Amino acid sequence: MLSRTNASVTHPTSAWAHLLPKEKFKAAVRRIISIRRGITFGTTNGPAGDEPGVDPRRSSAEASYGHLNVPCEIEIIDYSAIRFASKKYTNEEFVNLMNVESSEPVPRPPWVKVRWINIGGISWDVLKALAIKYSASVSIL
């Protein structure tokens, strides 16, 4: 026959048990954020965790999005604390300005501190030139 003893059994305690409620909440939120960062929707071009988007250098991208070709309203605004300049471009002028074959940055006057590129419309030639020049992927919804 087995006998029971009243000896206390020690169980390992987790660090979670000693946290204040506010700290438990923060830890739970951080955990949820880290889980959600690992989830991506749609197709990615690389391993899990890569930013979603389309690699404009792939021929499959041209086949998938080459039909998106409409005239865009493109405006480049250069400014600094003391000066401002704005110029409008057509699709062809903008693609030529980006000069994707060159690794040199797009020329801008020395006084320019910020360059804002505003593109009104969706056209594959414009998005492709912009993405290649600035080494980014294109996200098309």
Protein backbone atom coordinates (compact mmCIF):
# COMPACT_ATOMS: atom_id res chain seq x y z
CA MET A 1 0.00 0.00 0.00
CA LEU A 2 1.22 3.44 -0.88
CA SER A 3 1.35 6.09 1.76
CA ARG A 4 0.96 9.78 1.14
CA THR A 5 3.32 12.23 2.67
CA ASN A 6 2.62 15.84 3.31
CA ALA A 7 6.01 16.86 2.06
CA SER A 8 5.80 19.96 -0.06
CA VAL A 9 6.56 19.50 -3.70
CA THR A 10 8.44 22.34 -5.36
CA HIS A 11 7.50 23.27 -8.89
CA PRO A 12 9.59 25.53 -11.05
CA THR A 13 8.05 28.97 -11.28
CA SER A 14 8.10 30.99 -14.45
CA ALA A 15 9.16 34.58 -14.72
CA TRP A 16 5.65 35.29 -15.95
CA ALA A 17 4.22 34.67 -12.46
CA HIS A 18 6.31 37.47 -10.98
CA LEU A 19 5.40 40.15 -13.53
CA LEU A 20 3.09 43.02 -12.73
CA PRO A 21 -0.19 43.08 -14.70
CA LYS A 22 1.02 46.00 -16.84
CA GLU A 23 4.21 44.11 -17.73
CA LYS A 24 2.20 40.96 -18.55
CA PHE A 25 0.04 43.00 -20.91
CA LYS A 26 3.10 44.53 -22.63
CA ALA A 27 4.67 41.09 -23.04
CA ALA A 28 1.45 39.69 -24.54
CA VAL A 29 1.22 42.59 -27.01
CA ARG A 30 4.87 42.14 -28.04
CA ARG A 31 4.19 38.44 -28.61
CA ILE A 32 1.15 39.14 -30.80
CA ILE A 33 3.07 41.74 -32.82
CA SER A 34 5.94 39.31 -33.41
CA ILE A 35 3.49 36.61 -34.52
CA ARG A 36 1.71 38.98 -36.89
CA ARG A 37 5.00 40.16 -38.43
CA GLY A 38 5.58 36.61 -39.58
CA ILE A 39 2.25 36.51 -41.44
CA THR A 40 2.13 37.82 -44.99
CA PHE A 41 -0.77 37.94 -47.36
CA GLY A 42 -0.49 37.30 -51.08
CA THR A 43 2.51 36.08 -52.96
CA THR A 44 6.02 36.96 -51.91
CA ASN A 45 9.07 36.77 -54.11
CA GLY A 46 11.47 35.51 -51.51
CA PRO A 47 11.70 33.54 -48.32
CA ALA A 48 9.11 33.87 -45.59
CA GLY A 49 9.32 37.21 -43.85
CA ASP A 50 10.36 39.21 -46.95
CA GLU A 51 8.44 42.36 -47.68
CA PRO A 52 5.59 41.74 -50.12
CA GLY A 53 5.97 43.14 -53.59
CA VAL A 54 7.03 42.49 -57.16
CA ASP A 55 10.63 42.39 -58.37
CA PRO A 56 10.51 44.69 -61.43
CA ARG A 57 13.57 43.03 -62.99
CA ARG A 58 11.82 39.67 -63.45
CA SER A 59 10.30 38.85 -66.81
CA SER A 60 7.28 37.40 -65.01
CA ALA A 61 6.59 40.87 -63.57
CA GLU A 62 6.58 42.37 -67.07
CA ALA A 63 4.20 39.65 -68.23
CA SER A 64 1.90 40.18 -65.24
CA TYR A 65 1.85 43.98 -65.11
CA GLY A 66 3.01 45.18 -68.53
CA HIS A 67 -0.60 45.82 -69.53
CA LEU A 68 -0.85 48.59 -66.91
CA ASN A 69 0.15 51.45 -69.15
CA VAL A 70 -1.76 54.70 -68.78
CA PRO A 71 -0.65 58.34 -68.86
CA CYS A 72 0.24 59.46 -65.34
CA GLU A 73 0.42 62.91 -63.82
CA ILE A 74 3.95 62.98 -62.42
CA GLU A 75 5.28 65.91 -60.44
CA ILE A 76 8.69 66.19 -58.84
CA ILE A 77 8.92 68.75 -56.05
CA ASP A 78 12.33 69.79 -54.73
CA TYR A 79 12.55 71.89 -51.62
CA SER A 80 14.67 73.10 -48.76
CA ALA A 81 14.18 75.63 -45.97
CA ILE A 82 14.84 78.52 -48.35
CA ARG A 83 13.72 77.37 -51.80
CA PHE A 84 11.10 75.38 -53.69
CA ALA A 85 10.86 74.07 -57.29
CA SER A 86 8.28 71.91 -59.03
CA LYS A 87 8.19 70.28 -62.47
CA LYS A 88 5.67 68.04 -64.22
CA TYR A 89 6.67 65.04 -66.34
CA THR A 90 5.07 62.65 -68.79
CA ASN A 91 5.61 58.91 -68.40
CA GLU A 92 8.36 58.88 -71.02
CA GLU A 93 10.13 61.94 -69.61
CA PHE A 94 10.06 60.44 -66.12
CA VAL A 95 11.43 57.06 -67.26
CA ASN A 96 14.24 58.88 -69.12
CA LEU A 97 15.00 60.97 -66.01
CA MET A 98 15.29 57.82 -63.88
CA ASN A 99 17.88 56.39 -66.33
CA VAL A 100 17.74 52.88 -64.88
CA GLU A 101 20.84 51.72 -66.78
CA SER A 102 22.99 54.08 -64.71
CA SER A 103 23.84 53.41 -61.07
CA GLU A 104 24.28 57.14 -60.50
CA PRO A 105 21.59 58.90 -58.45
CA VAL A 106 19.06 61.08 -60.23
CA PRO A 107 20.70 64.52 -60.54
CA ARG A 108 19.32 67.29 -58.39
CA PRO A 109 20.50 70.81 -57.55
CA PRO A 110 22.81 71.13 -54.53
CA TRP A 111 20.30 73.26 -52.57
CA VAL A 112 17.69 70.47 -52.56
CA LYS A 113 17.22 68.82 -49.17
CA VAL A 114 14.03 66.87 -49.98
CA ARG A 115 12.75 65.48 -53.28
CA TRP A 116 9.09 64.52 -53.36
CA ILE A 117 7.90 62.44 -56.31
CA ASN A 118 4.13 62.48 -56.72
CA ILE A 119 2.71 59.98 -59.22
CA GLY A 120 -0.97 60.26 -60.08
CA GLY A 121 -1.95 57.02 -61.79
CA ILE A 122 -0.66 53.48 -62.14
CA SER A 123 1.56 52.65 -65.07
CA TRP A 124 4.02 49.77 -65.10
CA ASP A 125 6.76 51.66 -66.97
CA VAL A 126 6.76 54.43 -64.34
CA LEU A 127 6.58 52.10 -61.33
CA LYS A 128 9.26 49.84 -62.78
CA ALA A 129 11.68 52.75 -63.41
CA LEU A 130 11.09 54.14 -59.91
CA ALA A 131 11.54 50.75 -58.21
CA ILE A 132 14.71 49.89 -60.12
CA LYS A 133 16.28 53.30 -59.52
CA TYR A 134 15.62 53.24 -55.81
CA SER A 135 16.20 49.47 -55.35
CA ALA A 136 12.72 48.66 -54.10
CA SER A 137 10.01 46.18 -54.88
CA VAL A 138 6.65 47.32 -56.22
CA SER A 139 3.46 46.62 -54.31
CA ILE A 140 0.40 46.61 -56.52
CA LEU A 141 -2.96 46.00 -54.87
